[in-house]
Amino acid sequence: MSHFFASAEGGRQSEPMTMAAKRRVASCIRRQELTVSRILKWADAYHKRHGRWPTQRSGKLDNDNGGDANLTWGAVDQALIKGLRGLPGGSSLAQLLVVERGARKSRRRHRLTAPRILAWADAYHKRLGRWPTRRSGRVENQPDLNWELVHLALRFGRHGLPGGSSLAQFLASERGVRRRKTPPPPLEFDQILSWAHAYRARHGLWPTPDSGPVEGVAGETWSKIAMALLFGLRGLPDGGSLATLLAQQGRDRAGQCGLDDD
């Protein structure tokens, strides 16, 4: 009896090599099989190292997972859902950890309320001199939460919010923030000077274009006022400047006190 057989390429392989290949295939199949106890053991190890439970987005398993070096938590989640690799299916990684380890579902991690959003928005405004928008990036000191997610939660009613709003509408209602599509109101010299005198009374010096928000006036900044004076925006004549306006105000006040009289 011959100990050789024809390969797909027309050559011949020895029978021992064929048996070794079969053993490798069988070993690979065994490595890919999963059990709930093994998954929980890996999850416990992950929690011990990272201080949190794994999710489907946690990447590759950190520990020795039985020989499958490419096994990811996403693959484990899909196996639990679809019944792959020897599992019965109908579950998920999140459900397994909730039932077996009491882990909180990730959707509860960012429960939002109007007071919390306002506190974050007020802190953002205090820090940067402007209100956040849906494109303002991560919410400070809130891991994995950004302003886009806040906007979507307000709009579609997620994370405990009722929905039907937006971040812009919410801030317009609660903080009087003008929406970008609404043109800014016109300016008058007397109004600007009133704000400037209030600024000087608080800080001991006149404002400049770099003085940030106009205190007590939502959405208004000294930079916007300076631009309006320079380019003739919002009902003002062009060619002016904040410094010129305040210098003229100083001369007018001096004249009223008789300091210009010879």
Foldseek 3Di string as FASTA:
>chain_A
DDQWDADPVGHIDGNVVVVVVVVVVVLVLLLLADDLVLVVVLQVVVCVVPVAGDFLPNAFRPDPSRPPRRDTLVNVQVCQQVVPRPRHHPAGPQRSCCVPPVHDRPQQLQQDDLVVVVVQQVVVCVVPLAGDALPNFPRPPRPPHTSVVVQVCQAPVGNNHHHPAGPQRSCCVPPVADDPVDDDAADDLVVVVVLQVVVCVVVVDGDALPNGASPPDHPHGSVVVQVCAQCVPRPRDHNGGPVVSVVVVVVVVCVVVVVPPD
